[in-house]
C-alpha atoms as a PDB file:
ATOM      1  CA  MET A   1     -12.717 -44.052  36.013  1.00  0.00           C
ATOM      2  CA  ASN A   2      -9.103 -43.617  37.158  1.00  0.00           C
ATOM      3  CA  LEU A   3      -8.113 -41.263  39.961  1.00  0.00           C
ATOM      4  CA  ALA A   4      -4.685 -39.695  40.619  1.00  0.00           C
ATOM      5  CA  ILE A   5      -4.046 -38.556  44.181  1.00  0.00           C
ATOM      6  CA  ILE A   6      -1.071 -36.307  44.911  1.00  0.00           C
ATOM      7  CA  PRO A   7      -0.493 -35.875  48.665  1.00  0.00           C
ATOM      8  CA  ALA A   8       1.062 -32.470  49.356  1.00  0.00           C
ATOM      9  CA  ARG A   9       1.068 -31.314  52.951  1.00  0.00           C
ATOM     10  CA  GLY A  10       1.794 -27.626  53.535  1.00  0.00           C
ATOM     11  CA  GLY A  11       4.414 -28.130  56.246  1.00  0.00           C
ATOM     12  CA  SER A  12       7.935 -29.490  55.827  1.00  0.00           C
ATOM     13  CA  LYS A  13      10.645 -29.203  58.464  1.00  0.00           C
ATOM     14  CA  ARG A  14      13.808 -30.062  56.554  1.00  0.00           C
ATOM     15  CA  ILE A  15      12.919 -28.167  53.367  1.00  0.00           C
ATOM     16  CA  PRO A  16      10.351 -25.444  54.154  1.00  0.00           C
ATOM     17  CA  ALA A  17       7.363 -25.408  51.766  1.00  0.00           C
ATOM     18  CA  LYS A  18       9.066 -28.209  49.833  1.00  0.00           C
ATOM     19  CA  ASN A  19       6.084 -29.206  47.700  1.00  0.00           C
ATOM     20  CA  ILE A  20       5.717 -25.744  46.163  1.00  0.00           C
ATOM     21  CA  LYS A  21       9.341 -24.575  46.279  1.00  0.00           C
ATOM     22  CA  GLU A  22      10.653 -23.589  42.842  1.00  0.00           C
ATOM     23  CA  PHE A  23      12.568 -26.379  41.151  1.00  0.00           C
ATOM     24  CA  ALA A  24      14.127 -25.637  37.756  1.00  0.00           C
ATOM     25  CA  GLY A  25      11.641 -22.857  37.121  1.00  0.00           C
ATOM     26  CA  LYS A  26       8.406 -24.422  38.421  1.00  0.00           C
ATOM     27  CA  PRO A  27       6.902 -25.376  41.767  1.00  0.00           C
ATOM     28  CA  LEU A  28       8.021 -28.914  42.566  1.00  0.00           C
ATOM     29  CA  ILE A  29       4.461 -30.255  42.625  1.00  0.00           C
ATOM     30  CA  ALA A  30       3.876 -29.037  39.060  1.00  0.00           C
ATOM     31  CA  TYR A  31       6.007 -31.862  37.637  1.00  0.00           C
ATOM     32  CA  SER A  32       3.826 -34.553  39.171  1.00  0.00           C
ATOM     33  CA  ILE A  33       0.617 -32.848  38.070  1.00  0.00           C
ATOM     34  CA  GLN A  34       1.859 -32.454  34.506  1.00  0.00           C
ATOM     35  CA  ALA A  35       3.131 -36.047  34.264  1.00  0.00           C
ATOM     36  CA  ALA A  36      -0.283 -37.292  35.393  1.00  0.00           C
ATOM     37  CA  GLN A  37      -1.978 -35.105  32.788  1.00  0.00           C
ATOM     38  CA  GLU A  38       0.417 -36.118  30.015  1.00  0.00           C
ATOM     39  CA  SER A  39      -0.178 -39.802  30.696  1.00  0.00           C
ATOM     40  CA  GLY A  40      -3.788 -39.488  29.516  1.00  0.00           C
ATOM     41  CA  LEU A  41      -4.817 -42.090  32.102  1.00  0.00           C
ATOM     42  CA  PHE A  42      -6.780 -40.081  34.626  1.00  0.00           C
ATOM     43  CA  ASP A  43     -10.317 -38.770  34.716  1.00  0.00           C
ATOM     44  CA  LYS A  44      -9.407 -36.766  37.809  1.00  0.00           C
ATOM     45  CA  VAL A  45      -6.069 -35.477  39.096  1.00  0.00           C
ATOM     46  CA  TRP A  46      -6.510 -34.495  42.724  1.00  0.00           C
ATOM     47  CA  VAL A  47      -4.138 -32.868  45.174  1.00  0.00           C
ATOM     48  CA  SER A  48      -4.745 -33.705  48.828  1.00  0.00           C
ATOM     49  CA  THR A  49      -3.430 -30.851  50.964  1.00  0.00           C
ATOM     50  CA  ASP A  50      -4.090 -28.987  54.176  1.00  0.00           C
ATOM     51  CA  SER A  51      -2.691 -25.748  52.726  1.00  0.00           C
ATOM     52  CA  GLN A  52      -4.647 -23.161  50.758  1.00  0.00           C
ATOM     53  CA  GLU A  53      -1.397 -21.930  49.207  1.00  0.00           C
ATOM     54  CA  VAL A  54      -0.580 -25.420  47.915  1.00  0.00           C
ATOM     55  CA  ALA A  55      -4.166 -25.764  46.711  1.00  0.00           C
ATOM     56  CA  ASP A  56      -3.995 -22.503  44.755  1.00  0.00           C
ATOM     57  CA  ILE A  57      -0.737 -23.458  43.042  1.00  0.00           C
ATOM     58  CA  ALA A  58      -2.018 -26.964  42.258  1.00  0.00           C
ATOM     59  CA  LYS A  59      -5.099 -25.465  40.589  1.00  0.00           C
ATOM     60  CA  MET A  60      -2.891 -23.139  38.536  1.00  0.00           C
ATOM     61  CA  TYR A  61      -1.290 -26.230  36.984  1.00  0.00           C
ATOM     62  CA  GLY A  62      -4.596 -27.933  36.266  1.00  0.00           C
ATOM     63  CA  ALA A  63      -5.150 -30.189  39.268  1.00  0.00           C
ATOM     64  CA  GLU A  64      -8.368 -30.323  41.264  1.00  0.00           C
ATOM     65  CA  VAL A  65      -8.485 -29.768  45.032  1.00  0.00           C
ATOM     66  CA  PRO A  66     -11.971 -30.934  46.053  1.00  0.00           C
ATOM     67  CA  PHE A  67     -11.296 -30.578  49.793  1.00  0.00           C
ATOM     68  CA  LEU A  68      -8.714 -29.376  52.285  1.00  0.00           C
ATOM     69  CA  ARG A  69      -7.301 -32.334  54.151  1.00  0.00           C
ATOM     70  CA  PRO A  70      -8.480 -32.771  57.762  1.00  0.00           C
ATOM     71  CA  GLU A  71      -6.062 -31.813  60.531  1.00  0.00           C
ATOM     72  CA  ASP A  72      -5.762 -35.378  61.817  1.00  0.00           C
ATOM     73  CA  LEU A  73      -4.371 -36.422  58.408  1.00  0.00           C
ATOM     74  CA  SER A  74      -1.912 -33.538  58.168  1.00  0.00           C
ATOM     75  CA  ASN A  75       0.623 -34.078  60.950  1.00  0.00           C
ATOM     76  CA  ASP A  76       4.268 -35.169  60.756  1.00  0.00           C
ATOM     77  CA  VAL A  77       3.636 -38.821  61.546  1.00  0.00           C
ATOM     78  CA  ILE A  78       0.689 -39.682  59.318  1.00  0.00           C
ATOM     79  CA  GLY A  79       1.504 -42.120  56.530  1.00  0.00           C
ATOM     80  CA  THR A  80       0.588 -41.906  52.861  1.00  0.00           C
ATOM     81  CA  ARG A  81      -1.912 -44.787  52.915  1.00  0.00           C
ATOM     82  CA  PRO A  82      -4.498 -43.103  55.218  1.00  0.00           C
ATOM     83  CA  VAL A  83      -4.270 -39.928  53.118  1.00  0.00           C
ATOM     84  CA  THR A  84      -4.823 -41.881  49.908  1.00  0.00           C
ATOM     85  CA  SER A  85      -7.711 -43.853  51.423  1.00  0.00           C
ATOM     86  CA  HIS A  86      -9.359 -40.630  52.593  1.00  0.00           C
ATOM     87  CA  ALA A  87      -9.290 -39.198  49.061  1.00  0.00           C
ATOM     88  CA  ILE A  88     -10.641 -42.440  47.595  1.00  0.00           C
ATOM     89  CA  GLN A  89     -13.526 -42.519  50.064  1.00  0.00           C
ATOM     90  CA  TYR A  90     -14.300 -38.877  49.311  1.00  0.00           C
ATOM     91  CA  CYS A  91     -14.426 -39.646  45.590  1.00  0.00           C
ATOM     92  CA  ILE A  92     -16.746 -42.614  46.175  1.00  0.00           C
ATOM     93  CA  GLU A  93     -19.080 -40.588  48.398  1.00  0.00           C
ATOM     94  CA  HIS A  94     -19.216 -37.403  46.279  1.00  0.00           C
ATOM     95  CA  PHE A  95     -18.597 -38.589  42.706  1.00  0.00           C
ATOM     96  CA  GLU A  96     -18.187 -42.235  41.732  1.00  0.00           C
ATOM     97  CA  LYS A  97     -16.040 -45.212  42.586  1.00  0.00           C
ATOM     98  CA  PRO A  98     -12.787 -45.283  40.609  1.00  0.00           C
ATOM     99  CA  GLU A  99     -11.614 -48.537  39.098  1.00  0.00           C
ATOM    100  CA  PHE A 100      -7.936 -47.763  39.609  1.00  0.00           C
ATOM    101  CA  CYS A 101      -6.241 -45.182  41.814  1.00  0.00           C
ATOM    102  CA  CYS A 102      -2.677 -43.938  41.686  1.00  0.00           C
ATOM    103  CA  CYS A 103      -0.894 -42.163  44.508  1.00  0.00           C
ATOM    104  CA  ILE A 104       1.747 -39.892  42.983  1.00  0.00           C
ATOM    105  CA  TYR A 105       4.295 -38.147  45.172  1.00  0.00           C
ATOM    106  CA  ALA A 106       4.572 -34.380  44.839  1.00  0.00           C
ATOM    107  CA  THR A 107       8.362 -34.629  45.073  1.00  0.00           C
ATOM    108  CA  ALA A 108       9.010 -36.498  41.825  1.00  0.00           C
ATOM    109  CA  PRO A 109      10.320 -34.066  39.185  1.00  0.00           C
ATOM    110  CA  PHE A 110      11.729 -36.951  37.119  1.00  0.00           C
ATOM    111  CA  LEU A 111       8.376 -38.726  36.846  1.00  0.00           C
ATOM    112  CA  GLN A 112       7.616 -39.731  33.256  1.00  0.00           C
ATOM    113  CA  ALA A 113       4.165 -40.296  31.801  1.00  0.00           C
ATOM    114  CA  GLN A 114       5.341 -43.499  30.098  1.00  0.00           C
ATOM    115  CA  TYR A 115       6.123 -45.157  33.438  1.00  0.00           C
ATOM    116  CA  LEU A 116       2.692 -44.267  34.790  1.00  0.00           C
ATOM    117  CA  GLN A 117       1.301 -45.948  31.677  1.00  0.00           C
ATOM    118  CA  ASP A 118       3.540 -48.974  32.212  1.00  0.00           C
ATOM    119  CA  GLY A 119       2.371 -49.216  35.818  1.00  0.00           C
ATOM    120  CA  LEU A 120      -1.278 -49.426  34.869  1.00  0.00           C
ATOM    121  CA  THR A 121      -0.587 -51.854  32.018  1.00  0.00           C
ATOM    122  CA  VAL A 122       1.299 -54.381  34.145  1.00  0.00           C
ATOM    123  CA  LEU A 123      -1.376 -54.193  36.840  1.00  0.00           C
ATOM    124  CA  LYS A 124      -4.203 -54.747  34.363  1.00  0.00           C
ATOM    125  CA  ASN A 125      -2.312 -57.641  32.792  1.00  0.00           C
ATOM    126  CA  ASP A 126      -2.024 -59.524  36.085  1.00  0.00           C
ATOM    127  CA  PRO A 127      -5.392 -59.890  37.852  1.00  0.00           C
ATOM    128  CA  SER A 128      -3.663 -61.650  40.771  1.00  0.00           C
ATOM    129  CA  LYS A 129      -1.900 -58.424  41.744  1.00  0.00           C
ATOM    130  CA  SER A 130      -3.373 -55.513  43.687  1.00  0.00           C
ATOM    131  CA  PHE A 131      -0.721 -52.814  43.198  1.00  0.00           C
ATOM    132  CA  SER A 132       2.161 -51.710  41.016  1.00  0.00           C
ATOM    133  CA  PHE A 133       4.792 -49.199  42.004  1.00  0.00           C
ATOM    134  CA  SER A 134       8.076 -47.703  40.840  1.00  0.00           C
ATOM    135  CA  VAL A 135      11.388 -49.230  41.900  1.00  0.00           C
ATOM    136  CA  THR A 136      15.000 -48.786  40.923  1.00  0.00           C
ATOM    137  CA  SER A 137      18.212 -50.674  41.596  1.00  0.00           C
ATOM    138  CA  PHE A 138      20.804 -49.730  44.195  1.00  0.00           C
ATOM    139  CA  ALA A 139      23.919 -48.251  42.621  1.00  0.00           C
ATOM    140  CA  PHE A 140      26.208 -50.262  44.926  1.00  0.00           C
ATOM    141  CA  PRO A 141      25.787 -53.817  46.266  1.00  0.00           C
ATOM    142  CA  ILE A 142      23.923 -53.575  49.566  1.00  0.00           C
ATOM    143  CA  GLN A 143      25.643 -56.783  50.725  1.00  0.00           C
ATOM    144  CA  ARG A 144      28.896 -54.798  51.017  1.00  0.00           C
ATOM    145  CA  ALA A 145      27.415 -52.122  53.265  1.00  0.00           C
ATOM    146  CA  ILE A 146      29.353 -51.094  56.375  1.00  0.00           C
ATOM    147  CA  ASN A 147      28.327 -49.879  59.819  1.00  0.00           C
ATOM    148  CA  ILE A 148      30.040 -46.995  61.590  1.00  0.00           C
ATOM    149  CA  VAL A 149      29.381 -46.988  65.335  1.00  0.00           C
ATOM    150  CA  ASP A 150      31.340 -44.659  67.631  1.00  0.00           C
ATOM    151  CA  GLY A 151      33.950 -44.322  64.924  1.00  0.00           C
ATOM    152  CA  ASP A 152      34.412 -48.080  64.528  1.00  0.00           C
ATOM    153  CA  VAL A 153      33.810 -49.721  61.154  1.00  0.00           C
ATOM    154  CA  SER A 154      32.296 -53.170  60.655  1.00  0.00           C
ATOM    155  CA  PRO A 155      30.670 -54.951  57.703  1.00  0.00           C
ATOM    156  CA  MET A 156      26.886 -55.181  57.872  1.00  0.00           C
ATOM    157  CA  PHE A 157      27.020 -58.533  56.047  1.00  0.00           C
ATOM    158  CA  PRO A 158      30.436 -60.046  56.995  1.00  0.00           C
ATOM    159  CA  ARG A 159      30.167 -63.117  54.777  1.00  0.00           C
ATOM    160  CA  ASP A 160      29.647 -60.989  51.661  1.00  0.00           C
ATOM    161  CA  ILE A 161      32.061 -58.113  52.218  1.00  0.00           C
ATOM    162  CA  PHE A 162      34.862 -59.596  50.085  1.00  0.00           C
ATOM    163  CA  LYS A 163      32.687 -61.036  47.326  1.00  0.00           C
ATOM    164  CA  ARG A 164      32.893 -59.603  43.824  1.00  0.00           C
ATOM    165  CA  SER A 165      30.002 -57.302  42.940  1.00  0.00           C
ATOM    166  CA  GLN A 166      29.100 -59.500  39.959  1.00  0.00           C
ATOM    167  CA  ASP A 167      28.618 -62.438  42.340  1.00  0.00           C
ATOM    168  CA  LEU A 168      26.060 -60.596  44.494  1.00  0.00           C
ATOM    169  CA  GLU A 169      22.329 -60.470  43.865  1.00  0.00           C
ATOM    170  CA  GLU A 170      21.084 -57.103  42.591  1.00  0.00           C
ATOM    171  CA  ALA A 171      18.837 -55.278  45.047  1.00  0.00           C
ATOM    172  CA  TYR A 172      16.076 -52.732  44.455  1.00  0.00           C
ATOM    173  CA  HIS A 173      14.336 -50.025  46.447  1.00  0.00           C
ATOM    174  CA  ASP A 174      11.160 -47.977  46.247  1.00  0.00           C
ATOM    175  CA  ALA A 175      11.678 -45.154  43.756  1.00  0.00           C
ATOM    176  CA  GLY A 176       9.175 -42.921  45.561  1.00  0.00           C
ATOM    177  CA  GLN A 177       7.240 -41.816  42.484  1.00  0.00           C
ATOM    178  CA  PHE A 178       3.916 -43.631  42.051  1.00  0.00           C
ATOM    179  CA  TYR A 179       1.746 -46.394  43.500  1.00  0.00           C
ATOM    180  CA  TRP A 180      -1.066 -47.811  41.367  1.00  0.00           C
ATOM    181  CA  GLY A 181      -3.777 -49.867  42.993  1.00  0.00           C
ATOM    182  CA  ARG A 182      -7.175 -51.369  42.400  1.00  0.00           C
ATOM    183  CA  THR A 183      -9.614 -49.277  44.418  1.00  0.00           C
ATOM    184  CA  ASP A 184     -11.011 -52.168  46.446  1.00  0.00           C
ATOM    185  CA  ASP A 185      -7.488 -53.273  47.381  1.00  0.00           C
ATOM    186  CA  TYR A 186      -6.387 -49.767  48.339  1.00  0.00           C
ATOM    187  CA  LEU A 187      -9.180 -49.759  50.924  1.00  0.00           C
ATOM    188  CA  THR A 188      -7.973 -53.005  52.530  1.00  0.00           C
ATOM    189  CA  LYS A 189      -4.926 -53.654  54.695  1.00  0.00           C
ATOM    190  CA  LYS A 190      -3.029 -55.354  51.892  1.00  0.00           C
ATOM    191  CA  GLY A 191       0.585 -54.230  51.858  1.00  0.00           C
ATOM    192  CA  ILE A 192       2.015 -52.490  48.819  1.00  0.00           C
ATOM    193  CA  PHE A 193       5.573 -53.655  49.558  1.00  0.00           C
ATOM    194  CA  SER A 194       4.559 -57.280  49.398  1.00  0.00           C
ATOM    195  CA  LYS A 195       3.612 -60.198  47.174  1.00  0.00           C
ATOM    196  CA  HIS A 196       0.478 -58.260  46.201  1.00  0.00           C
ATOM    197  CA  SER A 197       2.487 -55.887  43.985  1.00  0.00           C
ATOM    198  CA  VAL A 198       4.268 -55.923  40.660  1.00  0.00           C
ATOM    199  CA  PRO A 199       7.299 -53.623  40.231  1.00  0.00           C
ATOM    200  CA  VAL A 200       7.918 -51.075  37.499  1.00  0.00           C
ATOM    201  CA  VAL A 201      11.691 -50.712  37.176  1.00  0.00           C
ATOM    202  CA  LEU A 202      12.991 -47.196  36.480  1.00  0.00           C
ATOM    203  CA  PRO A 203      16.506 -46.230  35.389  1.00  0.00           C
ATOM    204  CA  ARG A 204      18.556 -44.773  38.245  1.00  0.00           C
ATOM    205  CA  HIS A 205      19.126 -41.470  36.444  1.00  0.00           C
ATOM    206  CA  LEU A 206      15.382 -40.755  36.753  1.00  0.00           C
ATOM    207  CA  VAL A 207      15.205 -41.359  40.497  1.00  0.00           C
ATOM    208  CA  GLN A 208      16.163 -39.041  43.340  1.00  0.00           C
ATOM    209  CA  ASP A 209      14.552 -38.911  46.755  1.00  0.00           C
ATOM    210  CA  ILE A 210      14.097 -35.317  47.969  1.00  0.00           C
ATOM    211  CA  ASP A 211      13.979 -35.161  51.755  1.00  0.00           C
ATOM    212  CA  THR A 212      16.953 -32.979  52.711  1.00  0.00           C
ATOM    213  CA  PRO A 213      18.694 -29.871  51.323  1.00  0.00           C
ATOM    214  CA  GLU A 214      21.470 -32.159  50.053  1.00  0.00           C
ATOM    215  CA  ASP A 215      18.879 -34.265  48.208  1.00  0.00           C
ATOM    216  CA  TRP A 216      17.440 -31.106  46.668  1.00  0.00           C
ATOM    217  CA  TYR A 217      20.845 -29.920  45.453  1.00  0.00           C
ATOM    218  CA  ARG A 218      21.624 -33.311  43.935  1.00  0.00           C
ATOM    219  CA  ALA A 219      18.211 -33.444  42.251  1.00  0.00           C
ATOM    220  CA  GLU A 220      18.752 -30.027  40.667  1.00  0.00           C
ATOM    221  CA  LEU A 221      22.134 -31.099  39.278  1.00  0.00           C
ATOM    222  CA  MET A 222      20.619 -34.327  37.938  1.00  0.00           C
ATOM    223  CA  TYR A 223      17.737 -32.452  36.356  1.00  0.00           C
ATOM    224  CA  GLN A 224      20.054 -29.989  34.629  1.00  0.00           C
ATOM    225  CA  ALA A 225      22.065 -32.877  33.185  1.00  0.00           C
ATOM    226  CA  TYR A 226      18.864 -34.640  32.134  1.00  0.00           C
ATOM    227  CA  VAL A 227      17.547 -31.564  30.302  1.00  0.00           C
ATOM    228  CA  ARG A 228      20.909 -31.078  28.553  1.00  0.00           C
ATOM    229  CA  GLY A 229      20.778 -34.675  27.407  1.00  0.00           C
ATOM    230  CA  LEU A 230      17.302 -34.210  25.939  1.00  0.00           C
ATOM    231  CA  ARG A 231      18.432 -31.118  24.045  1.00  0.00           C
ATOM    232  CA  ASN A 232      21.375 -32.991  22.560  1.00  0.00           C
ATOM    233  CA  GLU A 233      19.288 -35.906  21.267  1.00  0.00           C
END
């Protein structure tokens, strides 16, 4: 059995009701639910939320909401891992123990079923690994980053600031879409951003973090361009 867990708290300060706000014609969370369904990998697609409104919308798009998340797991400072672990424990206690679990963010409208499939495949193919998660490359060399403090500019990495981009090592970051894990490992303290994981590299045009109104605007423009590209294929 494989379990998808989509954390979707009701509150959001920077973008009110972000998880269910309409994005290109659908609530934002709908994209994650539908990608999980289209992957054909999951016996259960659960949404973990503290909001009845989020729960109702999630159910409309085919997800299950077997519980409303406890208050102590629904504040501004709680991390994703305790929320995921809570859902896994609930599944074990009330249904059965999953073999693999996948935390999928509700704010991932570019999520593709094929990358969820790739994530599970690479994890299954390497028994030494506990997790797999989505990453993408930085668009600009991080070694040439600059600091701005009180209006003064300084290189963050002085020895690299004048190097050619082709001479600098490519760097990657968390794409913020999905996190596969073996159930037993999810319930330990093993770190996901560590040697215990294998990365699934996504193209940059399918990655956009959505935390601020500016992020949202950029994501909408990217999505419009993406849809136009699909129509022209």
